[in-house]
Protein backbone atom coordinates (compact mmCIF):
# COMPACT_ATOMS: atom_id res chain seq x y z
CA ILE A 1 98.92 136.48 113.15
CA ASN A 2 99.94 133.62 110.83
CA LEU A 3 102.29 132.17 113.48
CA GLN A 4 99.51 132.43 116.05
CA ASN A 5 97.10 130.63 113.68
CA ASN A 6 99.70 127.90 113.07
CA LYS A 7 100.16 127.41 116.83
CA LYS A 8 96.39 127.16 117.29
CA LEU A 9 96.12 124.66 114.44
CA LEU A 10 98.99 122.57 115.83
CA LYS A 11 97.27 122.42 119.24
CA LEU A 12 93.98 121.42 117.62
CA ILE A 13 95.63 118.69 115.54
CA ILE A 14 97.39 117.27 118.61
CA PHE A 15 94.15 117.37 120.58
CA GLY A 16 92.19 115.77 117.72
CA SER A 17 94.73 112.93 117.51
CA ILE A 18 94.54 111.93 121.17
CA PRO A 19 91.43 109.69 120.76
CA LEU A 20 92.94 107.66 117.89
CA ILE A 21 96.34 107.30 119.49
CA THR A 22 94.84 106.25 122.84
CA VAL A 23 92.34 103.75 121.46
CA GLY A 24 94.78 102.56 118.81
CA TYR A 25 97.39 101.75 121.40
CA ILE A 26 94.87 99.89 123.56
CA ILE A 27 93.70 97.83 120.58
CA TYR A 28 97.32 97.14 119.59
CA ALA A 29 98.44 96.22 123.13
CA THR A 30 95.48 93.91 123.75
CA GLU A 31 95.74 92.41 120.25
CA PHE A 32 91.99 93.07 119.81
CA ILE A 33 92.77 94.29 116.30
CA TYR A 34 93.17 90.69 115.14
CA LEU A 35 89.53 89.97 115.97
CA LEU A 36 88.47 92.73 113.61
CA ARG A 37 90.44 91.44 110.66
CA ASN A 38 87.69 89.62 108.89
CA ILE A 39 86.72 89.83 105.20
CA GLU A 40 83.01 90.27 106.03
CA ILE A 41 83.78 93.23 108.29
CA ILE A 42 86.03 94.75 105.61
CA ALA A 43 83.34 94.34 102.92
CA LEU A 44 80.61 95.78 105.11
CA THR A 45 82.59 98.76 106.38
CA THR A 46 83.86 99.52 102.89
CA LEU A 47 80.28 99.72 101.63
CA ILE A 48 78.76 101.54 104.63
CA PHE A 49 81.42 104.24 104.81
CA GLY A 50 81.37 104.71 101.05
CA ILE A 51 77.66 105.52 101.30
CA ILE A 52 78.22 107.82 104.30
CA LEU A 53 80.94 109.67 102.30
CA TYR A 54 78.49 110.11 99.44
CA LEU A 55 75.84 111.57 101.75
CA ALA A 56 78.34 113.87 103.49
CA ASP A 57 79.74 115.17 100.21
CA ARG A 58 76.44 115.97 98.53
CA ASN A 59 76.09 119.55 99.78
CA ARG A 60 78.19 122.58 99.05
CA LEU A 61 79.72 123.52 102.37
CA ASP A 62 81.91 126.50 103.12
CA LYS A 63 83.49 126.29 106.57
CA LYS A 64 87.23 126.86 106.59
CA ILE A 65 90.06 125.65 108.81
CA THR A 66 91.32 129.17 109.48
CA SER A 67 88.06 130.53 110.83
CA ASP A 68 85.83 127.60 111.81
CA LEU A 69 87.97 124.74 113.18
CA ASN A 70 87.67 124.68 116.95
CA LEU A 71 88.34 122.33 119.86
CA LYS A 72 84.89 120.75 119.85
CA THR A 73 84.87 120.07 116.10
CA ILE A 74 88.39 118.61 116.00
CA LEU A 75 87.52 116.36 118.94
CA TYR A 76 84.50 115.00 117.05
CA ILE A 77 86.55 114.49 113.90
CA GLY A 78 89.18 112.78 116.06
CA LEU A 79 86.51 110.48 117.46
CA PHE A 80 85.41 109.58 113.92
CA GLN A 81 89.08 108.80 113.20
CA ILE A 82 88.91 105.96 115.75
CA LEU A 83 86.59 104.12 113.32
CA ALA A 84 89.61 103.79 110.99
CA LEU A 85 90.98 101.15 113.36
CA ILE A 86 88.31 98.85 111.95
CA PRO A 87 89.62 97.23 108.75
CA GLY A 88 87.82 98.53 105.69
CA VAL A 89 87.40 102.03 107.13
CA SER A 90 89.82 104.41 105.47
CA ARG A 91 91.48 106.82 107.95
CA ALA A 92 91.59 109.57 105.35
CA GLY A 93 88.11 108.76 104.12
CA ILE A 94 86.51 108.86 107.55
CA THR A 95 88.18 112.12 108.56
CA ILE A 96 87.21 113.77 105.26
CA THR A 97 83.68 112.47 105.75
CA ALA A 98 83.58 113.82 109.31
CA ALA A 99 84.87 117.22 108.23
CA ARG A 100 82.21 117.31 105.46
CA ILE A 101 79.54 116.40 108.03
CA PHE A 102 80.74 119.37 110.08
CA LYS A 103 80.27 121.53 106.97
CA PHE A 104 83.90 122.14 105.93
CA ASN A 105 84.54 122.65 102.23
CA ARG A 106 86.23 119.78 100.36
CA VAL A 107 89.72 121.27 100.25
CA ASP A 108 89.77 122.13 103.95
CA SER A 109 88.25 118.72 104.80
CA VAL A 110 91.17 117.08 102.99
CA LYS A 111 93.65 119.40 104.71
CA ILE A 112 92.20 118.48 108.13
CA SER A 113 92.50 114.82 107.21
CA PHE A 114 96.12 115.16 106.07
CA LEU A 115 97.05 117.14 109.18
CA LEU A 116 95.42 114.53 111.45
CA SER A 117 97.34 111.83 109.57
CA ILE A 118 100.71 113.15 110.78
CA PRO A 119 100.31 112.12 114.48
CA ALA A 120 98.39 108.96 113.46
CA LEU A 121 101.10 107.80 111.07
CA ALA A 122 103.84 108.80 113.48
CA GLY A 123 102.24 106.67 116.19
CA ALA A 124 101.82 103.71 113.85
CA SER A 125 105.43 104.10 112.67
CA ILE A 126 106.71 104.08 116.24
CA LEU A 127 104.80 100.86 116.93
CA GLY A 128 106.13 99.41 113.67
CA LEU A 129 109.71 100.32 114.57
CA LYS A 130 109.19 98.77 117.99
CA ASP A 131 108.16 95.53 116.26
CA ILE A 132 111.15 95.68 113.90
CA PHE A 133 113.62 95.97 116.79
CA GLU A 134 111.88 93.35 118.95
CA LYS A 135 111.68 90.77 116.17
CA SER A 136 115.17 91.36 114.81
CA ILE A 137 113.91 92.20 111.32
CA GLN A 138 116.80 93.27 109.11
CA PHE A 139 116.78 97.07 108.77
CA ASN A 140 119.02 98.02 105.83
CA TYR A 141 119.48 100.65 103.20
CA LEU A 142 116.60 99.24 101.09
CA VAL A 143 114.19 99.92 103.95
CA LEU A 144 115.52 103.49 104.23
CA ILE A 145 115.09 103.97 100.46
CA ALA A 146 111.54 102.62 100.67
CA ILE A 147 110.70 104.96 103.55
CA SER A 148 112.21 107.95 101.73
CA LEU A 149 110.38 107.18 98.50
CA SER A 150 107.12 106.71 100.37
CA PHE A 151 107.55 110.14 101.95
CA ILE A 152 108.37 111.86 98.64
CA LEU A 153 105.53 110.15 96.76
CA SER A 154 103.13 111.00 99.59
CA LEU A 155 103.97 114.70 99.26
CA ILE A 156 103.43 114.55 95.48
CA THR A 157 100.13 112.71 95.97
CA ILE A 158 98.95 115.30 98.47
CA LYS A 159 99.70 118.12 96.05
CA PHE A 160 97.81 116.48 93.18
CA PHE A 161 94.92 115.33 95.39
CA LEU A 162 94.34 118.88 96.67
CA SER A 163 94.27 120.09 93.09
CA PHE A 164 91.86 117.31 92.08
CA ILE A 165 89.52 117.80 95.03
CA ASN A 166 89.30 121.51 94.30
CA LYS A 167 87.69 120.68 90.94
CA PHE A 168 85.75 117.45 91.47
CA SER A 169 83.51 115.74 94.01
CA LEU A 170 84.43 112.71 96.06
CA ASN A 171 82.11 110.45 94.02
CA ILE A 172 85.00 108.58 92.40
CA PHE A 173 86.01 107.32 95.86
CA VAL A 174 82.41 106.43 96.68
CA PHE A 175 82.15 104.35 93.49
CA TYR A 176 85.52 102.75 94.16
CA ARG A 177 84.42 101.70 97.68
CA ILE A 178 81.11 100.33 96.44
CA ILE A 179 82.84 98.33 93.67
CA ILE A 180 85.40 96.93 96.12
CA ALA A 181 82.62 96.01 98.59
CA VAL A 182 80.64 94.22 95.85
CA ILE A 183 83.76 92.27 94.78
CA LEU A 184 84.43 91.28 98.39
CA PHE A 185 80.83 90.15 98.88
CA ILE A 186 81.07 88.06 95.70
CA ILE A 187 84.24 86.45 96.99
CA ILE A 188 82.65 85.80 100.39
CA TYR A 189 79.39 84.32 99.18
CA ASN A 190 80.63 82.38 96.13
């Protein structure tokens, strides 16, 4: 049964990643992404999605990946993930927020977000490697060490984050986003 559940989860994660990968590639290929890179947009989205995270995280919710994640829900969470293409919108934050909106508990919301990050980061890495090879950027052992350390530190961070989120709310991230947004607005309008 566990293998069958893992196959189902893998299919759901792949399906949930299709919207981001498709739209992300279109935005990358058309260079539309450069129009979105604006400090006002970053400040505004940082604030707005911090508030949405706060609202989504207020209630105690109990849905679980193993019993409640289905094709429709993962598609909606995948559609939310597209918003992360806008600078200032955290990919992890928006997927956690979406999972909380769909009534998943905090730990499973974070797990859904981490699982959806695998295809998203793989796609971004492929595009990044494409750029490296096209622009003749030097690829040496220091780059390999940096990639390896990033991977190892990411695994450690995931472990500690899951432990943290099991005990505390997401309010620290809400406050962080609001503070960053306020700082950005001060920079913009000063």
